[in-house]
Structures are given as structure tokens and as C-alpha cells.
């Protein structure tokens, strides 16, 4: 039986939207190609919104939401799409955000993933951290990588997610997908179990606390290929964030573990850019590749030099975010304005767009 929310979700799919926002005191809104659009619907009241939300969760989940004021889960429209869903309480009352999960996994080529990412997969060990702000496509990138391994290698892949988003069918690999709070108590407890499950590949949905990060580093040191995510926006900040999570007295140990773990992996930092035609979005990537020189910088705590090592590491498959933004701009895939706004070093792109919205040069 169709739920009340389904018509908005189906409409979002037809319009090419990514997120449905429902908030008490506002009409429903959708994010389409990065912009928020207001739907031609009445303002949502608490009395109207509560039953709309309640009917897409179990009684147990609803009780948990009313108690904790937050709830994360996956909602499916069989045959159409899955949605990563979050219920929340805010100033005016209840709210919800449902993000559409693509019904098919994109290939490396479709995402524009650099070939360097294949090197991480082929080495088969170490830590690969995929980073970026919320909504930057980290989950989509990781799903593409997992699908590639599943398609080409006979490995045991364990995913630990909250919630499970892409459901991977068994191909060449054996896949065990575990959802936090449904199949395991936490990321950390699932990681401890994973070490005893003879894994080749482990995907950690979020490296959010010292215990989870430490266990992920230990897995990578044991020869497992570990994928994790963080919400940093650059490779250098990712290294700092991992280390800074720990107390000062533990940081030398973590720097050593991280330098070892990254020797077979690296960091993929990404952000989504609006395409030049305004009809879609494409990803820009920064790639850090683990190397002896990079490991030495991490062990010594000299992370300020990571950026210059990235800039000098093109022959090793590294690339900076600004370099990739320039490549996308030259190829006509993004506008000068978009490149300027997403760039780390604004001066490099001032010739293509001024911060006042007027063209300062030919795009």
C-alpha cells in the first residue's frame, strides 16, 4: 500500500532531485542539482507531518525517534529507489530529510574517478579515506569501488553502514553487509568482529570516534583493504583530523599507524560541482597517494608539507583539488564561477570569475 510520502519521492525521482526536506512550519522542499526548490504544497503542520513520517517506520523505530529525537534508516520504494532517511526534532517541531540513493551503481568512468583509485584496489591492502562535505557523493564513490571489486575479484567484502544504502548482490566476491543498530551495536563492535571474519575488504561507513579509527588502522595494518569516510574537505585536513581525534599522548602511536596504513592506500577528497549547463553535477577530486615521503611527513607530524607534496606528486598519481577544478573548467564541464567558488586558492581562478558575479575574463 502506497504511503503518503511516496508521491513526493516519486516526483523527486522524475525531477532529478537528490533530497526531500520536510519541516514543520514550511512547505515541502526538494534539492535539485544543488538548489532548494519549494513544492506547490501547503505548509506542513506537526499534526500533518507526524503521521506521514510514522507510517514509513516500524513501531519500534517510531518509539526510538520520540525518545532520542533523531532516527537514521533506509526507506525503499521497491522497483523505484531507496532513500537514506533522517528524522529529527527542531525548533518548530518534527522534520525529515530523505536522500535518494541511485538505483544503480555508477562506474568509475561515469563518476570521473581518477585511475589512481584503481591502484588502491589492485594493491589490496591499506587504508583509503574518502572525504568531503555532506552530500558530496562519498557513498556513491564507495559503492562504485565496492562494485568494481565485486565484479573483478574473488574477495570477502564486509560493509558496516548506518544505514545500508546500496545493496550489493554477490558477483565474484562474497559480500556481508551489516547495519549499525540492526545487525551490530556500533561501528567499533562490528570492526572487532570483522577482524575474525577473514575479510579482504572492509568498508566503515563513518570513522567518527577514536575507537573506530584505531580499529580501522589496525585492520589496515593486518593487510586488509579498509575504506572509511570523514567530513573533511582536503587530503591534508584528513590526516590532521584522524590524528587530532586522539589525546596528545596517543598521537605519536597513531601517526605511526596511519603512515603504515596509508602506504597501500591514500585519501580521495571530493566535492560536487554544478555543471556548466546547469542540468546536473559532476565531481572534482583531490587524490593523495601513500608513499615513503608521505609516511615520513605523517610520522614526523609535519603535515603542513602535505599540500606541497601533493602538488609535486603528479607522476605518482596525485592531484590537488584546484588542479582538477581547472581541468573541468578547461573542458567546459563547469563554469568559471563554480570553479572559483569551489577552489581552495581563489586567486588562481579570479581571471575566470570575479567574486562580485561579473566575468573578469573569458571562461
Protein backbone atom coordinates (compact mmCIF):
# COMPACT_ATOMS: atom_id res chain seq x y z
CA UNK A 1 0.00 0.00 0.00
CA UNK A 2 1.40 3.38 -1.03
CA UNK A 3 2.43 5.76 1.73
CA UNK A 4 1.61 9.48 1.72
CA UNK A 5 5.27 10.39 1.29
CA UNK A 6 5.67 8.20 -1.80
CA UNK A 7 4.20 10.71 -4.25
CA UNK A 8 6.80 13.32 -3.26
CA UNK A 9 9.60 10.76 -3.53
CA UNK A 10 8.43 9.61 -6.97
CA UNK A 11 8.13 13.23 -8.08
CA UNK A 12 11.67 13.88 -6.84
CA UNK A 13 12.94 10.97 -8.91
CA UNK A 14 11.19 12.30 -12.03
CA UNK A 15 12.56 15.83 -11.48
CA UNK A 16 16.15 14.66 -10.97
CA UNK A 17 16.20 15.75 -7.34
CA UNK A 18 18.50 14.39 -4.66
CA UNK A 19 16.89 15.27 -1.32
CA UNK A 20 13.37 15.76 0.04
CA UNK A 21 13.14 18.14 3.01
CA UNK A 22 10.08 18.08 5.27
CA UNK A 23 9.97 20.62 8.11
CA UNK A 24 7.19 21.68 10.42
CA UNK A 25 6.22 25.26 9.56
CA UNK A 26 7.38 25.08 5.90
CA UNK A 27 6.05 23.56 2.69
CA UNK A 28 7.96 20.52 1.40
CA UNK A 29 11.19 21.34 -0.45
CA UNK A 30 13.48 19.42 -2.79
CA UNK A 31 17.13 19.85 -3.65
CA UNK A 32 17.51 19.71 -7.44
CA UNK A 33 21.02 19.99 -8.93
CA UNK A 34 22.19 21.63 -5.72
CA UNK A 35 19.40 24.24 -5.40
CA UNK A 36 16.46 24.12 -2.98
CA UNK A 37 13.04 24.25 -4.68
CA UNK A 38 9.77 24.84 -2.83
CA UNK A 39 6.95 22.47 -3.83
CA UNK A 40 3.48 23.76 -4.55
CA UNK A 41 2.13 22.25 -1.34
CA UNK A 42 0.59 23.63 1.87
CA UNK A 43 2.77 24.44 4.85
CA UNK A 44 3.39 21.30 6.92
CA UNK A 45 1.97 21.33 10.41
CA UNK A 46 3.10 18.99 13.18
CA UNK A 47 -0.31 17.32 13.08
CA UNK A 48 0.02 16.61 9.35
CA UNK A 49 3.71 15.70 9.26
CA UNK A 50 3.79 13.25 12.20
CA UNK A 51 1.53 10.59 10.60
CA UNK A 52 3.34 10.96 7.25
CA UNK A 53 6.62 10.10 8.97
CA UNK A 54 5.25 7.47 11.32
CA UNK A 55 3.82 5.30 8.55
CA UNK A 56 7.22 4.64 6.91
CA UNK A 57 8.94 3.26 10.04
CA UNK A 58 8.31 0.36 12.41
CA UNK A 59 6.62 0.96 15.78
CA UNK A 60 9.96 0.35 17.46
CA UNK A 61 11.71 2.92 15.27
CA UNK A 62 8.98 5.49 15.97
CA UNK A 63 9.31 5.00 19.73
CA UNK A 64 13.08 5.39 19.41
CA UNK A 65 12.65 8.62 17.45
CA UNK A 66 10.26 10.09 20.02
CA UNK A 67 12.76 9.21 22.73
CA UNK A 68 16.05 10.16 21.05
CA UNK A 69 14.72 12.92 18.72
CA UNK A 70 16.89 11.51 15.90
CA UNK A 71 16.50 8.47 13.67
CA UNK A 72 18.56 7.18 10.72
CA UNK A 73 17.25 4.40 8.48
CA UNK A 74 16.77 3.38 4.86
CA UNK A 75 13.37 3.53 3.18
CA UNK A 76 12.68 1.65 -0.05
CA UNK A 77 10.19 2.00 -2.86
CA UNK A 78 10.57 -1.47 -4.39
CA UNK A 79 11.29 -1.24 -8.09
CA UNK A 80 11.97 2.51 -7.92
CA UNK A 81 14.59 3.65 -5.42
CA UNK A 82 15.99 3.57 -1.88
CA UNK A 83 16.32 6.59 0.37
CA UNK A 84 18.69 7.36 3.20
CA UNK A 85 16.35 8.88 5.74
CA UNK A 86 16.83 11.03 8.82
CA UNK A 87 14.10 12.13 11.20
CA UNK A 88 14.89 14.97 13.59
CA UNK A 89 13.34 17.34 16.08
CA UNK A 90 13.99 21.06 15.60
CA UNK A 91 12.73 24.39 16.91
CA UNK A 92 9.33 24.28 15.19
CA UNK A 93 8.74 20.55 15.63
CA UNK A 94 9.48 17.44 13.59
CA UNK A 95 11.50 17.35 10.42
CA UNK A 96 12.91 14.83 7.97
CA UNK A 97 15.40 14.61 5.12
CA UNK A 98 15.27 11.75 2.63
CA UNK A 99 18.17 11.41 0.19
CA UNK A 100 17.69 9.33 -2.93
CA UNK A 101 20.16 6.51 -3.42
CA UNK A 102 20.67 5.82 -7.13
CA UNK A 103 19.02 2.57 -8.22
CA UNK A 104 22.20 1.50 -9.98
CA UNK A 105 25.85 1.78 -9.04
CA UNK A 106 27.78 4.19 -11.24
CA UNK A 107 31.01 3.05 -12.90
CA UNK A 108 34.39 4.71 -12.40
CA UNK A 109 34.03 6.28 -15.84
CA UNK A 110 30.57 7.69 -15.11
CA UNK A 111 31.80 9.27 -11.87
CA UNK A 112 35.01 10.54 -13.42
CA UNK A 113 37.11 8.75 -10.79
CA UNK A 114 40.85 9.06 -11.50
CA UNK A 115 42.72 5.90 -12.47
CA UNK A 116 44.78 6.22 -9.30
CA UNK A 117 41.80 4.86 -7.35
CA UNK A 118 42.21 1.59 -9.26
CA UNK A 119 45.74 1.34 -7.89
CA UNK A 120 44.35 1.34 -4.34
CA UNK A 121 42.06 -1.55 -5.28
CA UNK A 122 44.78 -3.53 -7.05
CA UNK A 123 47.24 -3.28 -4.15
CA UNK A 124 44.57 -4.85 -1.97
CA UNK A 125 45.72 -3.56 1.44
CA UNK A 126 45.94 -0.37 3.44
CA UNK A 127 43.58 2.48 4.31
CA UNK A 128 41.65 4.56 1.77
CA UNK A 129 39.72 7.51 3.22
CA UNK A 130 37.02 9.11 1.07
CA UNK A 131 36.28 12.60 2.36
CA UNK A 132 34.12 15.58 1.56
CA UNK A 133 31.22 17.62 2.92
CA UNK A 134 27.78 16.13 3.42
CA UNK A 135 26.15 15.48 0.06
CA UNK A 136 29.43 15.38 -1.88
CA UNK A 137 28.89 11.84 -3.18
CA UNK A 138 31.17 9.88 -0.84
CA UNK A 139 28.72 6.99 -0.56
CA UNK A 140 28.27 6.85 -4.34
CA UNK A 141 32.05 6.75 -4.85
CA UNK A 142 32.49 3.97 -2.31
CA UNK A 143 29.64 1.97 -3.84
CA UNK A 144 31.36 2.21 -7.22
CA UNK A 145 34.64 0.96 -5.73
CA UNK A 146 32.96 -1.92 -3.89
CA UNK A 147 31.05 -2.90 -7.03
CA UNK A 148 34.29 -2.88 -9.05
CA UNK A 149 35.97 -5.21 -6.54
CA UNK A 150 32.87 -7.41 -6.52
CA UNK A 151 32.91 -7.56 -10.30
CA UNK A 152 36.62 -8.30 -10.79
CA UNK A 153 37.99 -10.02 -7.69
CA UNK A 154 37.17 -13.05 -5.54
CA UNK A 155 37.33 -11.43 -2.11
CA UNK A 156 35.36 -11.31 1.13
CA UNK A 157 33.93 -7.81 1.48
CA UNK A 158 32.38 -6.62 4.76
CA UNK A 159 30.47 -3.33 4.86
CA UNK A 160 29.49 -1.62 8.11
CA UNK A 161 26.95 1.11 7.45
CA UNK A 162 24.34 3.30 9.17
CA UNK A 163 22.08 2.65 7.34
CA UNK A 164 22.79 0.26 4.45
CA UNK A 165 22.31 2.31 1.30
CA UNK A 166 23.44 0.44 -1.82
CA UNK A 167 22.58 -3.26 -1.64
CA UNK A 168 25.31 -5.22 -3.43
CA UNK A 169 24.42 -8.58 -5.00
CA UNK A 170 27.02 -11.33 -4.86
CA UNK A 171 29.15 -11.42 -8.02
CA UNK A 172 32.74 -12.69 -7.86
CA UNK A 173 33.13 -11.67 -4.23
CA UNK A 174 31.29 -12.68 -1.08
CA UNK A 175 29.65 -9.62 0.49
CA UNK A 176 28.49 -9.31 4.10
CA UNK A 177 26.58 -6.04 4.68
CA UNK A 178 25.91 -5.08 8.30
CA UNK A 179 23.78 -2.20 9.54
CA UNK A 180 24.61 -0.46 12.82
CA UNK A 181 21.79 -0.78 15.38
CA UNK A 182 20.19 -3.56 13.34
CA UNK A 183 22.94 -6.17 12.91
CA UNK A 184 25.55 -4.77 15.30
CA UNK A 185 25.69 -2.30 18.19
CA UNK A 186 28.28 0.09 16.78
CA UNK A 187 30.93 0.63 14.12
CA UNK A 188 33.61 -0.31 16.66
CA UNK A 189 31.98 -3.60 17.72
CA UNK A 190 31.40 -4.55 14.08
CA UNK A 191 35.06 -3.81 13.27
CA UNK A 192 36.24 -6.00 16.13
CA UNK A 193 34.08 -8.81 14.75
CA UNK A 194 35.28 -8.15 11.19
CA UNK A 195 38.85 -8.95 12.20
CA UNK A 196 37.70 -12.51 12.99
CA UNK A 197 35.68 -12.92 9.78
CA UNK A 198 38.57 -13.48 7.35
CA UNK A 199 37.97 -10.25 5.40
CA UNK A 200 39.87 -8.93 2.39
CA UNK A 201 37.97 -5.64 2.22
CA UNK A 202 36.19 -3.72 4.99
CA UNK A 203 34.06 -0.62 4.41
CA UNK A 204 33.48 1.54 7.50
CA UNK A 205 30.60 3.92 6.88
CA UNK A 206 31.88 6.54 9.33
CA UNK A 207 35.19 6.87 11.19
CA UNK A 208 33.66 9.04 13.87
CA UNK A 209 35.42 8.19 17.14
CA UNK A 210 38.89 7.19 18.41
CA UNK A 211 37.99 3.53 18.93
CA UNK A 212 36.60 3.09 15.39
CA UNK A 213 39.57 4.90 13.82
CA UNK A 214 42.09 2.89 15.85
CA UNK A 215 40.43 -0.40 14.87
CA UNK A 216 40.30 0.65 11.20
CA UNK A 217 44.03 1.42 11.29
CA UNK A 218 44.71 -1.95 12.94
CA UNK A 219 42.72 -3.75 10.22
CA UNK A 220 44.71 -1.96 7.53
CA UNK A 221 48.00 -2.86 9.23
CA UNK A 222 46.90 -6.52 9.18
CA UNK A 223 46.78 -6.46 5.37
CA UNK A 224 43.07 -5.73 4.91
CA UNK A 225 41.93 -3.09 2.41
CA UNK A 226 39.92 -0.67 4.56
CA UNK A 227 37.68 2.09 3.20
CA UNK A 228 36.37 4.79 5.51
CA UNK A 229 34.81 8.25 5.35
CA UNK A 230 35.34 11.59 7.04
CA UNK A 231 33.76 15.02 6.55
CA UNK A 232 36.97 16.92 5.80
CA UNK A 233 37.43 18.80 2.52
CA UNK A 234 41.10 18.14 1.71
CA UNK A 235 43.73 15.43 2.00
CA UNK A 236 45.90 17.41 4.42
CA UNK A 237 42.97 18.17 6.72
CA UNK A 238 42.00 14.47 6.65
CA UNK A 239 45.37 13.43 8.05
CA UNK A 240 45.15 16.14 10.74
CA UNK A 241 41.60 15.17 11.66
CA UNK A 242 42.47 11.49 12.14
CA UNK A 243 45.39 12.36 14.41
CA UNK A 244 43.65 15.16 16.33
CA UNK A 245 40.80 12.87 17.39
CA UNK A 246 43.24 11.25 19.84
CA UNK A 247 44.72 12.63 23.08
CA UNK A 248 48.20 14.13 22.74
CA UNK A 249 49.89 11.20 24.44
CA UNK A 250 48.45 8.76 21.88
CA UNK A 251 49.17 10.81 18.77
CA UNK A 252 52.74 9.53 18.12
CA UNK A 253 51.38 5.95 18.03
CA UNK A 254 48.51 6.96 15.73
CA UNK A 255 50.86 8.85 13.38
CA UNK A 256 52.97 5.70 13.04
CA UNK A 257 49.91 3.52 12.43
CA UNK A 258 48.48 5.99 9.91
CA UNK A 259 51.74 6.29 7.97
CA UNK A 260 51.85 2.49 7.68
CA UNK A 261 48.16 2.13 6.81
CA UNK A 262 48.31 4.75 4.07
CA UNK A 263 51.32 3.07 2.42
CA UNK A 264 48.95 0.91 0.35
CA UNK A 265 46.15 3.46 0.17
CA UNK A 266 45.54 7.17 0.30
CA UNK A 267 42.90 9.88 0.53
CA UNK A 268 40.20 10.75 -2.01
CA UNK A 269 38.74 14.18 -1.21
CA UNK A 270 35.77 15.20 -3.33
CA UNK A 271 33.11 17.82 -3.83
CA UNK A 272 30.21 18.13 -6.25
CA UNK A 273 30.13 20.97 -8.76
CA UNK A 274 27.20 22.27 -10.76
CA UNK A 275 27.74 21.56 -14.46
CA UNK A 276 28.11 24.46 -16.88
CA UNK A 277 24.72 23.76 -18.47
CA UNK A 278 23.02 23.82 -15.06
CA UNK A 279 21.40 20.45 -15.69
CA UNK A 280 23.46 18.27 -13.39
CA UNK A 281 26.53 17.94 -11.21
CA UNK A 282 29.98 16.43 -11.57
CA UNK A 283 32.63 15.55 -9.02
CA UNK A 284 36.01 17.17 -8.50
CA UNK A 285 38.64 15.06 -6.76
CA UNK A 286 41.83 15.58 -4.78
CA UNK A 287 43.99 12.45 -4.56
CA UNK A 288 46.72 11.70 -2.01
CA UNK A 289 48.72 8.53 -2.65
CA UNK A 290 50.59 6.86 0.20
CA UNK A 291 54.37 6.91 -0.31
CA UNK A 292 57.54 6.71 1.81
CA UNK A 293 57.87 10.50 1.66
CA UNK A 294 54.26 10.99 2.72
CA UNK A 295 54.66 8.43 5.51
CA UNK A 296 57.70 10.27 6.81
CA UNK A 297 55.78 13.58 6.93
CA UNK A 298 52.94 11.93 8.86
CA UNK A 299 55.24 10.21 11.37
CA UNK A 300 57.11 13.44 11.99
CA UNK A 301 53.87 15.39 12.39
CA UNK A 302 54.89 17.74 9.58
CA UNK A 303 51.51 17.70 7.84
CA UNK A 304 51.91 21.30 6.64
CA UNK A 305 54.08 19.94 3.82
CA UNK A 306 51.43 17.52 2.56
CA UNK A 307 49.96 20.10 0.20
CA UNK A 308 53.30 20.79 -1.50
CA UNK A 309 53.95 17.03 -1.75
CA UNK A 310 50.55 16.67 -3.44
CA UNK A 311 51.39 19.40 -5.93
CA UNK A 312 54.70 17.73 -6.79
CA UNK A 313 53.27 14.21 -6.95
CA UNK A 314 51.54 14.18 -10.34
CA UNK A 315 53.86 11.42 -11.60
CA UNK A 316 52.72 9.25 -8.67
CA UNK A 317 49.04 9.77 -9.46
CA UNK A 318 48.40 12.61 -7.04
CA UNK A 319 46.32 15.65 -7.85
CA UNK A 320 45.13 18.71 -5.98
CA UNK A 321 41.52 19.89 -5.92
CA UNK A 322 42.40 23.14 -7.68
CA UNK A 323 44.20 21.28 -10.47
CA UNK A 324 41.14 19.11 -11.13
CA UNK A 325 38.81 22.13 -11.00
CA UNK A 326 40.99 23.80 -13.65
CA UNK A 327 40.80 20.66 -15.81
CA UNK A 328 37.00 20.61 -15.52
CA UNK A 329 36.87 24.32 -16.35
CA UNK A 330 39.10 23.94 -19.44
CA UNK A 331 36.95 21.03 -20.62
CA UNK A 332 33.83 23.21 -20.39
CA UNK A 333 32.23 20.97 -17.77
CA UNK A 334 31.93 23.68 -15.10
CA UNK A 335 31.73 27.46 -15.21
CA UNK A 336 34.33 29.95 -14.02
CA UNK A 337 32.01 30.94 -11.19
CA UNK A 338 31.67 27.35 -10.00
CA UNK A 339 35.43 26.77 -10.19
CA UNK A 340 36.13 29.96 -8.24
CA UNK A 341 33.61 29.14 -5.54
CA UNK A 342 34.87 25.57 -5.04
CA UNK A 343 38.61 26.35 -5.29
CA UNK A 344 40.93 26.43 -2.28
CA UNK A 345 43.19 29.08 -3.82
CA UNK A 346 40.75 31.69 -5.13
CA UNK A 347 43.40 33.83 -6.81
CA UNK A 348 44.07 31.10 -9.37
CA UNK A 349 40.52 31.43 -10.69
CA UNK A 350 39.94 35.19 -10.43
CA UNK A 351 40.72 35.54 -14.15
CA UNK A 352 37.63 33.44 -14.92
CA UNK A 353 35.15 35.00 -12.48
CA UNK A 354 35.12 37.86 -10.00
CA UNK A 355 33.58 37.43 -6.53
CA UNK A 356 31.10 40.17 -7.40
CA UNK A 357 29.44 37.98 -10.02
CA UNK A 358 30.86 39.65 -13.10
CA UNK A 359 33.12 37.87 -15.53
CA UNK A 360 36.71 39.03 -15.17
CA UNK A 361 37.93 37.03 -18.12
CA UNK A 362 36.80 34.68 -20.80
CA UNK A 363 35.51 31.37 -19.43
